[in-house]
Amino acid sequence: MHRKKIRVAATVAFLLFGAAAHASSDDAWKQFAADVESKCRKAAAGPLENARAVVDPFGSEHYGLALLTGKPKGAKGTISFLCVYDKKTKVAEIGSELGKDLVDVRLPRKTGK
């Protein structure tokens, strides 16, 4: 009987703490994605106006990843940039300009947010 109580208590503790850790993890990933988006937007602010970002919610083992698309400053059209965010240093860098001849990004319309 004593072992059964210990097992039940251990199971309850696992479920309670496991759920709390999972919720915390979800919040941490949301914060990570928000940081990647913010840093990548800043990195692309020079060449892009009104950049829209699509962030890989988890990135790779070492990097956060995002695709930024928008109007080139002082020109017409749409261009994109890949952005990498170093998870250790929290520094974002963009690659070279990707024009429509290389990648054609079609983002959904903005909602009323």
PDB file of N, CA and C in Angstrom:
ATOM      1  N   MET A   1       0.817  -1.202   0.000  1.00  0.00           N
ATOM      2  CA  MET A   1       0.000   0.000   0.000  1.00  0.00           C
ATOM      3  C   MET A   1       0.861   1.266   0.000  1.00  0.00           C
ATOM      4  N   HIS A   2       1.942   1.231   0.753  1.00  0.00           N
ATOM      5  CA  HIS A   2       2.832   2.387   0.836  1.00  0.00           C
ATOM      6  C   HIS A   2       3.431   2.711  -0.535  1.00  0.00           C
ATOM      7  N   ARG A   3       3.851   1.691  -1.302  1.00  0.00           N
ATOM      8  CA  ARG A   3       4.406   1.921  -2.639  1.00  0.00           C
ATOM      9  C   ARG A   3       3.373   2.528  -3.578  1.00  0.00           C
ATOM     10  N   LYS A   4       2.122   2.093  -3.424  1.00  0.00           N
ATOM     11  CA  LYS A   4       1.063   2.627  -4.281  1.00  0.00           C
ATOM     12  C   LYS A   4       0.874   4.124  -4.017  1.00  0.00           C
ATOM     13  N   LYS A   5       0.922   4.550  -2.769  1.00  0.00           N
ATOM     14  CA  LYS A   5       0.790   5.967  -2.427  1.00  0.00           C
ATOM     15  C   LYS A   5       1.950   6.774  -3.006  1.00  0.00           C
ATOM     16  N   ILE A   6       3.147   6.204  -2.925  1.00  0.00           N
ATOM     17  CA  ILE A   6       4.312   6.901  -3.461  1.00  0.00           C
ATOM     18  C   ILE A   6       4.172   7.055  -4.973  1.00  0.00           C
ATOM     19  N   ARG A   7       3.729   5.988  -5.642  1.00  0.00           N
ATOM     20  CA  ARG A   7       3.542   6.060  -7.097  1.00  0.00           C
ATOM     21  C   ARG A   7       2.499   7.100  -7.470  1.00  0.00           C
ATOM     22  N   VAL A   8       1.397   7.116  -6.728  1.00  0.00           N
ATOM     23  CA  VAL A   8       0.330   8.088  -7.008  1.00  0.00           C
ATOM     24  C   VAL A   8       0.857   9.508  -6.785  1.00  0.00           C
ATOM     25  N   ALA A   9       1.568   9.727  -5.678  1.00  0.00           N
ATOM     26  CA  ALA A   9       2.110  11.053  -5.390  1.00  0.00           C
ATOM     27  C   ALA A   9       3.115  11.468  -6.465  1.00  0.00           C
ATOM     28  N   ALA A  10       3.951  10.530  -6.880  1.00  0.00           N
ATOM     29  CA  ALA A  10       4.932  10.834  -7.921  1.00  0.00           C
ATOM     30  C   ALA A  10       4.247  11.174  -9.233  1.00  0.00           C
ATOM     31  N   THR A  11       3.189  10.451  -9.574  1.00  0.00           N
ATOM     32  CA  THR A  11       2.453  10.706 -10.812  1.00  0.00           C
ATOM     33  C   THR A  11       1.792  12.081 -10.772  1.00  0.00           C
ATOM     34  N   VAL A  12       1.168  12.415  -9.646  1.00  0.00           N
ATOM     35  CA  VAL A  12       0.519  13.718  -9.500  1.00  0.00           C
ATOM     36  C   VAL A  12       1.558  14.839  -9.604  1.00  0.00           C
ATOM     37  N   ALA A  13       2.696  14.675  -8.923  1.00  0.00           N
ATOM     38  CA  ALA A  13       3.747  15.690  -8.979  1.00  0.00           C
ATOM     39  C   ALA A  13       4.264  15.855 -10.399  1.00  0.00           C
ATOM     40  N   PHE A  14       4.468  14.742 -11.103  1.00  0.00           N
ATOM     41  CA  PHE A  14       4.938  14.806 -12.480  1.00  0.00           C
ATOM     42  C   PHE A  14       3.947  15.562 -13.351  1.00  0.00           C
ATOM     43  N   LEU A  15       2.661  15.238 -13.191  1.00  0.00           N
ATOM     44  CA  LEU A  15       1.651  15.909 -14.014  1.00  0.00           C
ATOM     45  C   LEU A  15       1.588  17.400 -13.717  1.00  0.00           C
ATOM     46  N   LEU A  16       1.650  17.771 -12.441  1.00  0.00           N
ATOM     47  CA  LEU A  16       1.574  19.187 -12.086  1.00  0.00           C
ATOM     48  C   LEU A  16       2.805  19.949 -12.545  1.00  0.00           C
ATOM     49  N   PHE A  17       3.981  19.435 -12.217  1.00  0.00           N
ATOM     50  CA  PHE A  17       5.206  20.131 -12.581  1.00  0.00           C
ATOM     51  C   PHE A  17       5.487  20.020 -14.069  1.00  0.00           C
ATOM     52  N   GLY A  18       5.127  18.907 -14.673  1.00  0.00           N
ATOM     53  CA  GLY A  18       5.303  18.744 -16.115  1.00  0.00           C
ATOM     54  C   GLY A  18       4.470  19.747 -16.883  1.00  0.00           C
ATOM     55  N   ALA A  19       3.231  19.961 -16.446  1.00  0.00           N
ATOM     56  CA  ALA A  19       2.359  20.940 -17.110  1.00  0.00           C
ATOM     57  C   ALA A  19       2.912  22.346 -16.938  1.00  0.00           C
ATOM     58  N   ALA A  20       3.423  22.653 -15.753  1.00  0.00           N
ATOM     59  CA  ALA A  20       3.990  23.984 -15.514  1.00  0.00           C
ATOM     60  C   ALA A  20       5.226  24.196 -16.384  1.00  0.00           C
ATOM     61  N   ALA A  21       6.057  23.185 -16.492  1.00  0.00           N
ATOM     62  CA  ALA A  21       7.265  23.302 -17.316  1.00  0.00           C
ATOM     63  C   ALA A  21       6.896  23.458 -18.784  1.00  0.00           C
ATOM     64  N   HIS A  22       5.873  22.740 -19.229  1.00  0.00           N
ATOM     65  CA  HIS A  22       5.445  22.837 -20.623  1.00  0.00           C
ATOM     66  C   HIS A  22       4.918  24.240 -20.923  1.00  0.00           C
ATOM     67  N   ALA A  23       4.111  24.792 -20.011  1.00  0.00           N
ATOM     68  CA  ALA A  23       3.578  26.136 -20.208  1.00  0.00           C
ATOM     69  C   ALA A  23       4.717  27.146 -20.247  1.00  0.00           C
ATOM     70  N   SER A  24       5.662  26.985 -19.347  1.00  0.00           N
ATOM     71  CA  SER A  24       6.812  27.873 -19.315  1.00  0.00           C
ATOM     72  C   SER A  24       7.598  27.763 -20.616  1.00  0.00           C
ATOM     73  N   SER A  25       7.741  26.553 -21.109  1.00  0.00           N
ATOM     74  CA  SER A  25       8.465  26.329 -22.346  1.00  0.00           C
ATOM     75  C   SER A  25       7.757  27.012 -23.516  1.00  0.00           C
ATOM     76  N   ASP A  26       6.434  26.892 -23.583  1.00  0.00           N
ATOM     77  CA  ASP A  26       5.670  27.568 -24.635  1.00  0.00           C
ATOM     78  C   ASP A  26       5.885  29.080 -24.572  1.00  0.00           C
ATOM     79  N   ASP A  27       5.848  29.625 -23.367  1.00  0.00           N
ATOM     80  CA  ASP A  27       6.079  31.062 -23.195  1.00  0.00           C
ATOM     81  C   ASP A  27       7.497  31.440 -23.613  1.00  0.00           C
ATOM     82  N   ALA A  28       8.454  30.593 -23.272  1.00  0.00           N
ATOM     83  CA  ALA A  28       9.845  30.865 -23.634  1.00  0.00           C
ATOM     84  C   ALA A  28      10.021  30.853 -25.151  1.00  0.00           C
ATOM     85  N   TRP A  29       9.375  29.912 -25.841  1.00  0.00           N
ATOM     86  CA  TRP A  29       9.488  29.859 -27.305  1.00  0.00           C
ATOM     87  C   TRP A  29       8.812  31.063 -27.942  1.00  0.00           C
ATOM     88  N   LYS A  30       7.689  31.495 -27.380  1.00  0.00           N
ATOM     89  CA  LYS A  30       7.022  32.697 -27.907  1.00  0.00           C
ATOM     90  C   LYS A  30       7.918  33.919 -27.737  1.00  0.00           C
ATOM     91  N   GLN A  31       8.565  34.019 -26.586  1.00  0.00           N
ATOM     92  CA  GLN A  31       9.477  35.138 -26.334  1.00  0.00           C
ATOM     93  C   GLN A  31      10.673  35.069 -27.276  1.00  0.00           C
ATOM     94  N   PHE A  32      11.187  33.860 -27.490  1.00  0.00           N
ATOM     95  CA  PHE A  32      12.303  33.670 -28.422  1.00  0.00           C
ATOM     96  C   PHE A  32      11.907  34.157 -29.818  1.00  0.00           C
ATOM     97  N   ALA A  33      10.753  33.731 -30.310  1.00  0.00           N
ATOM     98  CA  ALA A  33      10.299  34.132 -31.650  1.00  0.00           C
ATOM     99  C   ALA A  33      10.118  35.651 -31.732  1.00  0.00           C
ATOM    100  N   ALA A  34       9.594  36.251 -30.671  1.00  0.00           N
ATOM    101  CA  ALA A  34       9.412  37.708 -30.658  1.00  0.00           C
ATOM    102  C   ALA A  34      10.759  38.420 -30.700  1.00  0.00           C
ATOM    103  N   ASP A  35      11.753  37.890 -29.990  1.00  0.00           N
ATOM    104  CA  ASP A  35      13.081  38.496 -29.992  1.00  0.00           C
ATOM    105  C   ASP A  35      13.734  38.362 -31.367  1.00  0.00           C
ATOM    106  N   VAL A  36      13.597  37.179 -31.978  1.00  0.00           N
ATOM    107  CA  VAL A  36      14.137  36.980 -33.327  1.00  0.00           C
ATOM    108  C   VAL A  36      13.502  37.984 -34.282  1.00  0.00           C
ATOM    109  N   GLU A  37      12.185  38.110 -34.228  1.00  0.00           N
ATOM    110  CA  GLU A  37      11.501  39.041 -35.134  1.00  0.00           C
ATOM    111  C   GLU A  37      11.969  40.477 -34.910  1.00  0.00           C
ATOM    112  N   SER A  38      12.046  40.894 -33.668  1.00  0.00           N
ATOM    113  CA  SER A  38      12.457  42.259 -33.354  1.00  0.00           C
ATOM    114  C   SER A  38      13.877  42.543 -33.842  1.00  0.00           C
ATOM    115  N   LYS A  39      14.805  41.659 -33.530  1.00  0.00           N
ATOM    116  CA  LYS A  39      16.205  41.869 -33.913  1.00  0.00           C
ATOM    117  C   LYS A  39      16.374  41.788 -35.437  1.00  0.00           C
ATOM    118  N   CYS A  40      15.648  40.889 -36.083  1.00  0.00           N
ATOM    119  CA  CYS A  40      15.749  40.774 -37.542  1.00  0.00           C
ATOM    120  C   CYS A  40      15.147  41.981 -38.236  1.00  0.00           C
ATOM    121  N   ARG A  41      14.042  42.504 -37.726  1.00  0.00           N
ATOM    122  CA  ARG A  41      13.460  43.718 -38.305  1.00  0.00           C
ATOM    123  C   ARG A  41      14.451  44.882 -38.217  1.00  0.00           C
ATOM    124  N   LYS A  42      15.121  44.993 -37.073  1.00  0.00           N
ATOM    125  CA  LYS A  42      16.121  46.059 -36.909  1.00  0.00           C
ATOM    126  C   LYS A  42      17.275  45.864 -37.888  1.00  0.00           C
ATOM    127  N   ALA A  43      17.701  44.615 -38.062  1.00  0.00           N
ATOM    128  CA  ALA A  43      18.814  44.337 -38.978  1.00  0.00           C
ATOM    129  C   ALA A  43      18.452  44.679 -40.418  1.00  0.00           C
ATOM    130  N   ALA A  44      17.170  44.557 -40.770  1.00  0.00           N
ATOM    131  CA  ALA A  44      16.729  44.822 -42.142  1.00  0.00           C
ATOM    132  C   ALA A  44      16.153  46.220 -42.326  1.00  0.00           C
ATOM    133  N   ALA A  45      16.190  47.038 -41.292  1.00  0.00           N
ATOM    134  CA  ALA A  45      15.582  48.368 -41.369  1.00  0.00           C
ATOM    135  C   ALA A  45      16.271  49.262 -42.402  1.00  0.00           C
ATOM    136  N   GLY A  46      17.544  49.045 -42.651  1.00  0.00           N
ATOM    137  CA  GLY A  46      18.259  49.862 -43.648  1.00  0.00           C
ATOM    138  C   GLY A  46      17.700  49.688 -45.046  1.00  0.00           C
ATOM    139  N   PRO A  47      17.634  48.471 -45.552  1.00  0.00           N
ATOM    140  CA  PRO A  47      17.180  48.287 -46.930  1.00  0.00           C
ATOM    141  C   PRO A  47      15.671  48.117 -47.116  1.00  0.00           C
ATOM    142  N   LEU A  48      14.919  47.872 -46.045  1.00  0.00           N
ATOM    143  CA  LEU A  48      13.484  47.578 -46.204  1.00  0.00           C
ATOM    144  C   LEU A  48      12.592  48.598 -45.510  1.00  0.00           C
ATOM    145  N   GLU A  49      11.477  48.898 -46.148  1.00  0.00           N
ATOM    146  CA  GLU A  49      10.409  49.690 -45.527  1.00  0.00           C
ATOM    147  C   GLU A  49       9.293  48.732 -45.140  1.00  0.00           C
ATOM    148  N   ASN A  50       8.739  48.914 -43.983  1.00  0.00           N
ATOM    149  CA  ASN A  50       7.591  48.122 -43.533  1.00  0.00           C
ATOM    150  C   ASN A  50       7.803  46.613 -43.729  1.00  0.00           C
ATOM    151  N   ALA A  51       8.896  46.125 -43.231  1.00  0.00           N
ATOM    152  CA  ALA A  51       9.205  44.697 -43.379  1.00  0.00           C
ATOM    153  C   ALA A  51       8.180  43.837 -42.658  1.00  0.00           C
ATOM    154  N   ARG A  52       7.837  42.742 -43.297  1.00  0.00           N
ATOM    155  CA  ARG A  52       6.994  41.722 -42.669  1.00  0.00           C
ATOM    156  C   ARG A  52       7.887  40.516 -42.448  1.00  0.00           C
ATOM    157  N   ALA A  53       7.758  39.922 -41.291  1.00  0.00           N
ATOM    158  CA  ALA A  53       8.643  38.816 -40.929  1.00  0.00           C
ATOM    159  C   ALA A  53       7.867  37.532 -40.730  1.00  0.00           C
ATOM    160  N   VAL A  54       8.458  36.452 -41.180  1.00  0.00           N
ATOM    161  CA  VAL A  54       7.966  35.107 -40.892  1.00  0.00           C
ATOM    162  C   VAL A  54       9.095  34.428 -40.136  1.00  0.00           C
ATOM    163  N   VAL A  55       8.814  34.049 -38.888  1.00  0.00           N
ATOM    164  CA  VAL A  55       9.843  33.496 -38.009  1.00  0.00           C
ATOM    165  C   VAL A  55       9.622  32.001 -37.845  1.00  0.00           C
ATOM    166  N   ASP A  56      10.691  31.245 -38.013  1.00  0.00           N
ATOM    167  CA  ASP A  56      10.665  29.821 -37.666  1.00  0.00           C
ATOM    168  C   ASP A  56      10.512  29.786 -36.146  1.00  0.00           C
ATOM    169  N   PRO A  57       9.455  29.167 -35.615  1.00  0.00           N
ATOM    170  CA  PRO A  57       9.186  29.276 -34.177  1.00  0.00           C
ATOM    171  C   PRO A  57      10.269  28.702 -33.267  1.00  0.00           C
ATOM    172  N   PHE A  58      11.129  27.834 -33.773  1.00  0.00           N
ATOM    173  CA  PHE A  58      12.158  27.226 -32.929  1.00  0.00           C
ATOM    174  C   PHE A  58      13.563  27.455 -33.467  1.00  0.00           C
ATOM    175  N   GLY A  59      13.706  27.664 -34.751  1.00  0.00           N
ATOM    176  CA  GLY A  59      15.015  27.849 -35.351  1.00  0.00           C
ATOM    177  C   GLY A  59      15.788  26.550 -35.426  1.00  0.00           C
ATOM    178  N   SER A  60      17.080  26.668 -35.613  1.00  0.00           N
ATOM    179  CA  SER A  60      17.944  25.489 -35.635  1.00  0.00           C
ATOM    180  C   SER A  60      18.575  25.346 -34.249  1.00  0.00           C
ATOM    181  N   GLU A  61      19.504  24.438 -34.127  1.00  0.00           N
ATOM    182  CA  GLU A  61      20.132  24.225 -32.826  1.00  0.00           C
ATOM    183  C   GLU A  61      20.834  25.494 -32.327  1.00  0.00           C
ATOM    184  N   HIS A  62      21.474  26.231 -33.226  1.00  0.00           N
ATOM    185  CA  HIS A  62      22.266  27.391 -32.813  1.00  0.00           C
ATOM    186  C   HIS A  62      21.688  28.741 -33.240  1.00  0.00           C
ATOM    187  N   TYR A  63      20.718  28.730 -34.151  1.00  0.00           N
ATOM    188  CA  TYR A  63      20.245  29.990 -34.723  1.00  0.00           C
ATOM    189  C   TYR A  63      18.733  30.094 -34.757  1.00  0.00           C
ATOM    190  N   GLY A  64      18.256  31.327 -34.581  1.00  0.00           N
ATOM    191  CA  GLY A  64      16.896  31.664 -34.901  1.00  0.00           C
ATOM    192  C   GLY A  64      16.870  32.034 -36.375  1.00  0.00           C
ATOM    193  N   LEU A  65      15.758  31.781 -37.045  1.00  0.00           N
ATOM    194  CA  LEU A  65      15.679  32.002 -38.485  1.00  0.00           C
ATOM    195  C   LEU A  65      14.410  32.774 -38.834  1.00  0.00           C
ATOM    196  N   ALA A  66      14.550  33.694 -39.772  1.00  0.00           N
ATOM    197  CA  ALA A  66      13.388  34.464 -40.208  1.00  0.00           C
ATOM    198  C   ALA A  66      13.557  34.855 -41.668  1.00  0.00           C
ATOM    199  N   LEU A  67      12.434  35.078 -42.311  1.00  0.00           N
ATOM    200  CA  LEU A  67      12.394  35.600 -43.671  1.00  0.00           C
ATOM    201  C   LEU A  67      11.689  36.943 -43.591  1.00  0.00           C
ATOM    202  N   LEU A  68      12.362  37.996 -44.058  1.00  0.00           N
ATOM    203  CA  LEU A  68      11.787  39.338 -44.050  1.00  0.00           C
ATOM    204  C   LEU A  68      11.497  39.762 -45.473  1.00  0.00           C
ATOM    205  N   THR A  69      10.329  40.328 -45.671  1.00  0.00           N
ATOM    206  CA  THR A  69       9.904  40.753 -46.999  1.00  0.00           C
ATOM    207  C   THR A  69       9.301  42.145 -46.899  1.00  0.00           C
ATOM    208  N   GLY A  70       9.580  42.972 -47.886  1.00  0.00           N
ATOM    209  CA  GLY A  70       9.009  44.306 -47.896  1.00  0.00           C
ATOM    210  C   GLY A  70       9.432  45.097 -49.105  1.00  0.00           C
ATOM    211  N   LYS A  71       9.099  46.362 -49.082  1.00  0.00           N
ATOM    212  CA  LYS A  71       9.418  47.292 -50.171  1.00  0.00           C
ATOM    213  C   LYS A  71      10.839  47.797 -49.962  1.00  0.00           C
ATOM    214  N   PRO A  72      11.643  47.766 -51.016  1.00  0.00           N
ATOM    215  CA  PRO A  72      12.989  48.320 -50.876  1.00  0.00           C
ATOM    216  C   PRO A  72      12.926  49.831 -50.693  1.00  0.00           C
ATOM    217  N   LYS A  73      13.739  50.364 -49.800  1.00  0.00           N
ATOM    218  CA  LYS A  73      13.733  51.817 -49.566  1.00  0.00           C
ATOM    219  C   LYS A  73      14.087  52.557 -50.844  1.00  0.00           C
ATOM    220  N   GLY A  74      13.237  53.517 -51.194  1.00  0.00           N
ATOM    221  CA  GLY A  74      13.482  54.359 -52.349  1.00  0.00           C
ATOM    222  C   GLY A  74      13.232  53.696 -53.690  1.00  0.00           C
ATOM    223  N   ALA A  75      12.579  52.545 -53.696  1.00  0.00           N
ATOM    224  CA  ALA A  75      12.330  51.845 -54.965  1.00  0.00           C
ATOM    225  C   ALA A  75      10.968  51.161 -54.907  1.00  0.00           C
ATOM    226  N   LYS A  76      10.552  50.668 -56.055  1.00  0.00           N
ATOM    227  CA  LYS A  76       9.297  49.921 -56.131  1.00  0.00           C
ATOM    228  C   LYS A  76       9.610  48.436 -56.088  1.00  0.00           C
ATOM    229  N   GLY A  77       8.587  47.666 -55.845  1.00  0.00           N
ATOM    230  CA  GLY A  77       8.746  46.222 -55.866  1.00  0.00           C
ATOM    231  C   GLY A  77       8.774  45.617 -54.483  1.00  0.00           C
ATOM    232  N   THR A  78       9.189  44.381 -54.430  1.00  0.00           N
ATOM    233  CA  THR A  78       9.271  43.635 -53.187  1.00  0.00           C
ATOM    234  C   THR A  78      10.575  42.844 -53.182  1.00  0.00           C
ATOM    235  N   ILE A  79      11.258  42.885 -52.062  1.00  0.00           N
ATOM    236  CA  ILE A  79      12.468  42.100 -51.891  1.00  0.00           C
ATOM    237  C   ILE A  79      12.405  41.348 -50.566  1.00  0.00           C
ATOM    238  N   SER A  80      13.238  40.360 -50.428  1.00  0.00           N
ATOM    239  CA  SER A  80      13.284  39.559 -49.207  1.00  0.00           C
ATOM    240  C   SER A  80      14.722  39.399 -48.733  1.00  0.00           C
ATOM    241  N   PHE A  81      14.862  39.123 -47.472  1.00  0.00           N
ATOM    242  CA  PHE A  81      16.144  38.834 -46.855  1.00  0.00           C
ATOM    243  C   PHE A  81      15.973  37.659 -45.901  1.00  0.00           C
ATOM    244  N   LEU A  82      16.955  36.789 -45.856  1.00  0.00           N
ATOM    245  CA  LEU A  82      17.008  35.771 -44.822  1.00  0.00           C
ATOM    246  C   LEU A  82      17.746  36.385 -43.642  1.00  0.00           C
ATOM    247  N   CYS A  83      17.292  36.048 -42.458  1.00  0.00           N
ATOM    248  CA  CYS A  83      17.917  36.565 -41.254  1.00  0.00           C
ATOM    249  C   CYS A  83      18.283  35.399 -40.348  1.00  0.00           C
ATOM    250  N   VAL A  84      19.483  35.479 -39.788  1.00  0.00           N
ATOM    251  CA  VAL A  84      19.909  34.506 -38.780  1.00  0.00           C
ATOM    252  C   VAL A  84      20.155  35.251 -37.478  1.00  0.00           C
ATOM    253  N   TYR A  85      19.767  34.626 -36.397  1.00  0.00           N
ATOM    254  CA  TYR A  85      19.864  35.193 -35.053  1.00  0.00           C
ATOM    255  C   TYR A  85      20.651  34.196 -34.217  1.00  0.00           C
ATOM    256  N   ASP A  86      21.813  34.607 -33.761  1.00  0.00           N
ATOM    257  CA  ASP A  86      22.656  33.727 -32.966  1.00  0.00           C
ATOM    258  C   ASP A  86      22.041  33.565 -31.569  1.00  0.00           C
ATOM    259  N   LYS A  87      21.708  32.345 -31.203  1.00  0.00           N
ATOM    260  CA  LYS A  87      21.056  32.101 -29.918  1.00  0.00           C
ATOM    261  C   LYS A  87      21.961  32.425 -28.728  1.00  0.00           C
ATOM    262  N   LYS A  88      23.276  32.325 -28.904  1.00  0.00           N
ATOM    263  CA  LYS A  88      24.204  32.645 -27.803  1.00  0.00           C
ATOM    264  C   LYS A  88      24.386  34.141 -27.647  1.00  0.00           C
ATOM    265  N   THR A  89      24.701  34.822 -28.745  1.00  0.00           N
ATOM    266  CA  THR A  89      25.019  36.246 -28.659  1.00  0.00           C
ATOM    267  C   THR A  89      23.789  37.144 -28.781  1.00  0.00           C
ATOM    268  N   LYS A  90      22.685  36.574 -29.279  1.00  0.00           N
ATOM    269  CA  LYS A  90      21.434  37.310 -29.507  1.00  0.00           C
ATOM    270  C   LYS A  90      21.616  38.451 -30.518  1.00  0.00           C
ATOM    271  N   VAL A  91      22.500  38.224 -31.484  1.00  0.00           N
ATOM    272  CA  VAL A  91      22.751  39.186 -32.560  1.00  0.00           C
ATOM    273  C   VAL A  91      22.143  38.634 -33.838  1.00  0.00           C
ATOM    274  N   ALA A  92      21.449  39.503 -34.575  1.00  0.00           N
ATOM    275  CA  ALA A  92      20.824  39.110 -35.844  1.00  0.00           C
ATOM    276  C   ALA A  92      21.596  39.713 -37.006  1.00  0.00           C
ATOM    277  N   GLU A  93      21.677  38.948 -38.088  1.00  0.00           N
ATOM    278  CA  GLU A  93      22.312  39.418 -39.320  1.00  0.00           C
ATOM    279  C   GLU A  93      21.429  39.020 -40.491  1.00  0.00           C
ATOM    280  N   ILE A  94      21.409  39.882 -41.515  1.00  0.00           N
ATOM    281  CA  ILE A  94      20.664  39.538 -42.724  1.00  0.00           C
ATOM    282  C   ILE A  94      21.641  39.148 -43.827  1.00  0.00           C
ATOM    283  N   GLY A  95      21.151  38.337 -44.740  1.00  0.00           N
ATOM    284  CA  GLY A  95      21.939  37.967 -45.905  1.00  0.00           C
ATOM    285  C   GLY A  95      21.764  39.010 -46.988  1.00  0.00           C
ATOM    286  N   SER A  96      22.122  38.647 -48.196  1.00  0.00           N
ATOM    287  CA  SER A  96      21.993  39.585 -49.302  1.00  0.00           C
ATOM    288  C   SER A  96      20.548  39.629 -49.806  1.00  0.00           C
ATOM    289  N   GLU A  97      20.248  40.671 -50.558  1.00  0.00           N
ATOM    290  CA  GLU A  97      18.907  40.891 -51.103  1.00  0.00           C
ATOM    291  C   GLU A  97      18.499  39.735 -52.009  1.00  0.00           C
ATOM    292  N   LEU A  98      17.277  39.274 -51.803  1.00  0.00           N
ATOM    293  CA  LEU A  98      16.698  38.233 -52.647  1.00  0.00           C
ATOM    294  C   LEU A  98      15.518  38.853 -53.389  1.00  0.00           C
ATOM    295  N   GLY A  99      15.709  39.137 -54.658  1.00  0.00           N
ATOM    296  CA  GLY A  99      14.650  39.726 -55.470  1.00  0.00           C
ATOM    297  C   GLY A  99      13.652  38.673 -55.926  1.00  0.00           C
ATOM    298  N   LYS A 100      12.594  39.132 -56.577  1.00  0.00           N
ATOM    299  CA  LYS A 100      11.547  38.216 -57.052  1.00  0.00           C
ATOM    300  C   LYS A 100      12.058  37.219 -58.074  1.00  0.00           C
ATOM    301  N   ASP A 101      13.193  37.523 -58.707  1.00  0.00           N
ATOM    302  CA  ASP A 101      13.763  36.563 -59.654  1.00  0.00           C
ATOM    303  C   ASP A 101      14.340  35.338 -58.921  1.00  0.00           C
ATOM    304  N   LEU A 102      14.604  35.494 -57.619  1.00  0.00           N
ATOM    305  CA  LEU A 102      15.152  34.385 -56.829  1.00  0.00           C
ATOM    306  C   LEU A 102      14.114  33.733 -55.910  1.00  0.00           C
ATOM    307  N   VAL A 103      13.260  34.562 -55.321  1.00  0.00           N
ATOM    308  CA  VAL A 103      12.238  34.034 -54.407  1.00  0.00           C
ATOM    309  C   VAL A 103      11.011  34.939 -54.486  1.00  0.00           C
ATOM    310  N   ASP A 104       9.862  34.326 -54.629  1.00  0.00           N
ATOM    311  CA  ASP A 104       8.614  35.080 -54.707  1.00  0.00           C
ATOM    312  C   ASP A 104       7.806  34.777 -53.457  1.00  0.00           C
ATOM    313  N   VAL A 105       7.799  35.716 -52.530  1.00  0.00           N
ATOM    314  CA  VAL A 105       7.123  35.523 -51.250  1.00  0.00           C
ATOM    315  C   VAL A 105       5.745  36.150 -51.321  1.00  0.00           C
ATOM    316  N   ARG A 106       4.749  35.386 -50.957  1.00  0.00           N
ATOM    317  CA  ARG A 106       3.373  35.889 -50.909  1.00  0.00           C
ATOM    318  C   ARG A 106       2.869  35.733 -49.481  1.00  0.00           C
ATOM    319  N   LEU A 107       2.831  36.850 -48.780  1.00  0.00           N
ATOM    320  CA  LEU A 107       2.378  36.837 -47.399  1.00  0.00           C
ATOM    321  C   LEU A 107       0.877  37.071 -47.348  1.00  0.00           C
ATOM    322  N   PRO A 108       0.213  36.472 -46.379  1.00  0.00           N
ATOM    323  CA  PRO A 108      -1.224  36.720 -46.251  1.00  0.00           C
ATOM    324  C   PRO A 108      -1.460  38.182 -45.863  1.00  0.00           C
ATOM    325  N   ARG A 109      -2.645  38.656 -46.173  1.00  0.00           N
ATOM    326  CA  ARG A 109      -2.985  40.037 -45.810  1.00  0.00           C
ATOM    327  C   ARG A 109      -2.961  40.187 -44.309  1.00  0.00           C
ATOM    328  N   LYS A 110      -2.624  41.392 -43.897  1.00  0.00           N
ATOM    329  CA  LYS A 110      -2.604  41.680 -42.463  1.00  0.00           C
ATOM    330  C   LYS A 110      -4.031  41.649 -41.930  1.00  0.00           C
ATOM    331  N   THR A 111      -4.171  41.126 -40.739  1.00  0.00           N
ATOM    332  CA  THR A 111      -5.481  41.135 -40.086  1.00  0.00           C
ATOM    333  C   THR A 111      -5.622  42.442 -39.337  1.00  0.00           C
ATOM    334  N   GLY A 112      -6.735  42.654 -38.707  1.00  0.00           N
ATOM    335  CA  GLY A 112      -7.022  43.902 -38.006  1.00  0.00           C
ATOM    336  C   GLY A 112      -6.295  44.078 -36.702  1.00  0.00           C
ATOM    337  N   LYS A 113      -5.160  43.440 -36.510  1.00  0.00           N
ATOM    338  CA  LYS A 113      -4.406  43.571 -35.249  1.00  0.00           C
ATOM    339  C   LYS A 113      -3.818  44.936 -35.120  1.00  0.00           C
TER     340      LYS A 113
END
